[in-house]
Amino acid sequence: MFVSLAVVTVFMSALLLVSAGAKSLRTRHITEQMSTLGVPQGMVAFLIGAQIAGAAGVIAGLWWGPVGIAAAVGLTLYFAGAVAFHLRVGDRKGASPAVVLTVASVALIVLRAATL
């Protein structure tokens, strides 16, 4: 069970760091997407920080379970919010990856709780 947790944790952390890096570069694609979703420019720095903190938290959670669970709960809320933002503007295609990441975040909670 712990191996499954480690695999999902590494995958999720890598994905979060890549996403945070893309947001920090403020590429045209990311800027347009955030604008379409109605995310204020001032909020992007917070989203980057949340992704980096989430990645660090789930990695730290491999050694200290409660931190991993707390980070995974935060990521679940983060990605559920992303789903809501996409659906609010009718972007079902963009909501799909956020749904998958919400489910992966819930899986992190379950796996970490099961390995305490």
C-alpha atoms as a PDB file:
ATOM      1  CA  MET A   1       0.000   0.000   0.000  1.00  0.00           C
ATOM      2  CA  PHE A   2       2.834   2.378   0.820  1.00  0.00           C
ATOM      3  CA  VAL A   3       4.346   1.844  -2.634  1.00  0.00           C
ATOM      4  CA  SER A   4       1.055   2.957  -4.214  1.00  0.00           C
ATOM      5  CA  LEU A   5       1.061   6.022  -1.972  1.00  0.00           C
ATOM      6  CA  ALA A   6       4.628   6.859  -2.963  1.00  0.00           C
ATOM      7  CA  VAL A   7       3.890   6.502  -6.685  1.00  0.00           C
ATOM      8  CA  VAL A   8       0.782   8.710  -6.544  1.00  0.00           C
ATOM      9  CA  THR A   9       2.626  11.222  -4.337  1.00  0.00           C
ATOM     10  CA  VAL A  10       5.572  11.550  -6.716  1.00  0.00           C
ATOM     11  CA  PHE A  11       3.264  11.825  -9.737  1.00  0.00           C
ATOM     12  CA  MET A  12       1.098  14.482  -8.081  1.00  0.00           C
ATOM     13  CA  SER A  13       4.079  16.465  -6.786  1.00  0.00           C
ATOM     14  CA  ALA A  14       5.760  16.513 -10.188  1.00  0.00           C
ATOM     15  CA  LEU A  15       2.546  17.595 -11.860  1.00  0.00           C
ATOM     16  CA  LEU A  16       1.996  20.363  -9.305  1.00  0.00           C
ATOM     17  CA  LEU A  17       5.514  21.704  -9.729  1.00  0.00           C
ATOM     18  CA  VAL A  18       5.236  21.695 -13.517  1.00  0.00           C
ATOM     19  CA  SER A  19       1.906  23.501 -13.291  1.00  0.00           C
ATOM     20  CA  ALA A  20       3.302  26.052 -10.831  1.00  0.00           C
ATOM     21  CA  GLY A  21       6.256  26.625 -13.152  1.00  0.00           C
ATOM     22  CA  ALA A  22       3.958  27.179 -16.127  1.00  0.00           C
ATOM     23  CA  LYS A  23       1.872  29.641 -14.127  1.00  0.00           C
ATOM     24  CA  SER A  24       4.979  31.507 -12.991  1.00  0.00           C
ATOM     25  CA  LEU A  25       6.125  31.915 -16.609  1.00  0.00           C
ATOM     26  CA  ARG A  26       2.748  33.499 -17.394  1.00  0.00           C
ATOM     27  CA  THR A  27       2.642  32.051 -20.877  1.00  0.00           C
ATOM     28  CA  ARG A  28      -0.042  33.298 -23.211  1.00  0.00           C
ATOM     29  CA  HIS A  29      -1.989  30.047 -22.889  1.00  0.00           C
ATOM     30  CA  ILE A  30      -2.039  30.203 -19.075  1.00  0.00           C
ATOM     31  CA  THR A  31      -2.852  33.929 -19.026  1.00  0.00           C
ATOM     32  CA  GLU A  32      -5.747  33.443 -21.460  1.00  0.00           C
ATOM     33  CA  GLN A  33      -7.075  30.467 -19.539  1.00  0.00           C
ATOM     34  CA  MET A  34      -6.980  32.340 -16.219  1.00  0.00           C
ATOM     35  CA  SER A  35      -8.702  35.302 -17.834  1.00  0.00           C
ATOM     36  CA  THR A  36     -11.418  33.075 -19.323  1.00  0.00           C
ATOM     37  CA  LEU A  37     -11.992  31.482 -15.929  1.00  0.00           C
ATOM     38  CA  GLY A  38     -12.232  34.880 -14.271  1.00  0.00           C
ATOM     39  CA  VAL A  39      -9.193  34.415 -12.042  1.00  0.00           C
ATOM     40  CA  PRO A  40      -7.785  37.825 -11.049  1.00  0.00           C
ATOM     41  CA  GLN A  41      -4.111  38.342 -11.964  1.00  0.00           C
ATOM     42  CA  GLY A  42      -3.320  39.003  -8.311  1.00  0.00           C
ATOM     43  CA  MET A  43      -4.554  35.531  -7.401  1.00  0.00           C
ATOM     44  CA  VAL A  44      -2.079  33.714  -9.651  1.00  0.00           C
ATOM     45  CA  ALA A  45       0.773  34.087  -7.144  1.00  0.00           C
ATOM     46  CA  PHE A  46      -1.446  32.527  -4.460  1.00  0.00           C
ATOM     47  CA  LEU A  47      -2.279  29.605  -6.765  1.00  0.00           C
ATOM     48  CA  ILE A  48       1.420  29.056  -7.500  1.00  0.00           C
ATOM     49  CA  GLY A  49       2.177  29.065  -3.778  1.00  0.00           C
ATOM     50  CA  ALA A  50      -0.671  26.656  -3.057  1.00  0.00           C
ATOM     51  CA  GLN A  51       0.627  24.229  -5.657  1.00  0.00           C
ATOM     52  CA  ILE A  52       4.189  24.358  -4.335  1.00  0.00           C
ATOM     53  CA  ALA A  53       2.966  23.984  -0.744  1.00  0.00           C
ATOM     54  CA  GLY A  54       0.758  21.059  -1.763  1.00  0.00           C
ATOM     55  CA  ALA A  55       3.667  19.312  -3.489  1.00  0.00           C
ATOM     56  CA  ALA A  56       5.925  19.836  -0.469  1.00  0.00           C
ATOM     57  CA  GLY A  57       3.180  18.745   1.920  1.00  0.00           C
ATOM     58  CA  VAL A  58       2.378  15.450   0.244  1.00  0.00           C
ATOM     59  CA  ILE A  59       6.103  14.651  -0.051  1.00  0.00           C
ATOM     60  CA  ALA A  60       6.615  15.457   3.647  1.00  0.00           C
ATOM     61  CA  GLY A  61       3.556  13.339   4.336  1.00  0.00           C
ATOM     62  CA  LEU A  62       5.442  10.244   3.272  1.00  0.00           C
ATOM     63  CA  TRP A  63       7.363  10.617   6.547  1.00  0.00           C
ATOM     64  CA  TRP A  64       4.724  12.283   8.723  1.00  0.00           C
ATOM     65  CA  GLY A  65       1.237  11.061   7.882  1.00  0.00           C
ATOM     66  CA  PRO A  66      -0.886  13.893   9.310  1.00  0.00           C
ATOM     67  CA  VAL A  67       0.957  16.459   7.183  1.00  0.00           C
ATOM     68  CA  GLY A  68       0.345  14.360   4.080  1.00  0.00           C
ATOM     69  CA  ILE A  69      -3.342  14.050   4.847  1.00  0.00           C
ATOM     70  CA  ALA A  70      -3.657  17.794   5.504  1.00  0.00           C
ATOM     71  CA  ALA A  71      -1.851  18.595   2.240  1.00  0.00           C
ATOM     72  CA  ALA A  72      -4.016  16.142   0.295  1.00  0.00           C
ATOM     73  CA  VAL A  73      -7.179  17.688   1.776  1.00  0.00           C
ATOM     74  CA  GLY A  74      -5.913  21.107   0.670  1.00  0.00           C
ATOM     75  CA  LEU A  75      -5.213  19.776  -2.824  1.00  0.00           C
ATOM     76  CA  THR A  76      -8.668  18.229  -2.990  1.00  0.00           C
ATOM     77  CA  LEU A  77     -10.204  21.609  -2.197  1.00  0.00           C
ATOM     78  CA  TYR A  78      -7.859  23.344  -4.675  1.00  0.00           C
ATOM     79  CA  PHE A  79      -8.807  21.047  -7.542  1.00  0.00           C
ATOM     80  CA  ALA A  80     -12.510  20.966  -6.626  1.00  0.00           C
ATOM     81  CA  GLY A  81     -12.365  24.758  -6.876  1.00  0.00           C
ATOM     82  CA  ALA A  82     -10.705  24.433 -10.279  1.00  0.00           C
ATOM     83  CA  VAL A  83     -13.537  22.143 -11.416  1.00  0.00           C
ATOM     84  CA  ALA A  84     -16.078  24.691 -10.213  1.00  0.00           C
ATOM     85  CA  PHE A  85     -14.325  27.559 -12.027  1.00  0.00           C
ATOM     86  CA  HIS A  86     -14.205  25.599 -15.283  1.00  0.00           C
ATOM     87  CA  LEU A  87     -17.833  24.501 -15.074  1.00  0.00           C
ATOM     88  CA  ARG A  88     -18.962  28.013 -14.135  1.00  0.00           C
ATOM     89  CA  VAL A  89     -17.839  29.283 -17.551  1.00  0.00           C
ATOM     90  CA  GLY A  90     -19.024  26.164 -19.397  1.00  0.00           C
ATOM     91  CA  ASP A  91     -15.533  24.755 -19.988  1.00  0.00           C
ATOM     92  CA  ARG A  92     -16.284  21.034 -19.655  1.00  0.00           C
ATOM     93  CA  LYS A  93     -13.146  20.073 -21.586  1.00  0.00           C
ATOM     94  CA  GLY A  94     -10.960  22.056 -19.178  1.00  0.00           C
ATOM     95  CA  ALA A  95     -12.792  20.661 -16.169  1.00  0.00           C
ATOM     96  CA  SER A  96     -11.863  17.053 -17.002  1.00  0.00           C
ATOM     97  CA  PRO A  97      -8.190  17.244 -15.928  1.00  0.00           C
ATOM     98  CA  ALA A  98      -9.230  19.038 -12.741  1.00  0.00           C
ATOM     99  CA  VAL A  99     -11.725  16.242 -11.998  1.00  0.00           C
ATOM    100  CA  VAL A 100      -8.983  13.632 -12.446  1.00  0.00           C
ATOM    101  CA  LEU A 101      -6.674  15.576 -10.127  1.00  0.00           C
ATOM    102  CA  THR A 102      -9.453  15.947  -7.553  1.00  0.00           C
ATOM    103  CA  VAL A 103      -9.893  12.164  -7.575  1.00  0.00           C
ATOM    104  CA  ALA A 104      -6.111  11.683  -7.328  1.00  0.00           C
ATOM    105  CA  SER A 105      -6.042  14.019  -4.323  1.00  0.00           C
ATOM    106  CA  VAL A 106      -8.791  12.002  -2.634  1.00  0.00           C
ATOM    107  CA  ALA A 107      -6.779   8.858  -3.408  1.00  0.00           C
ATOM    108  CA  LEU A 108      -3.827  10.428  -1.593  1.00  0.00           C
ATOM    109  CA  ILE A 109      -6.004  10.981   1.476  1.00  0.00           C
ATOM    110  CA  VAL A 110      -7.248   7.390   1.424  1.00  0.00           C
ATOM    111  CA  LEU A 111      -3.833   5.851   0.773  1.00  0.00           C
ATOM    112  CA  ARG A 112      -2.117   7.930   3.457  1.00  0.00           C
ATOM    113  CA  ALA A 113      -4.821   7.188   6.011  1.00  0.00           C
ATOM    114  CA  ALA A 114      -4.555   3.474   5.190  1.00  0.00           C
ATOM    115  CA  THR A 115      -0.797   3.478   5.781  1.00  0.00           C
ATOM    116  CA  LEU A 116      -0.732   5.310   9.124  1.00  0.00           C
END
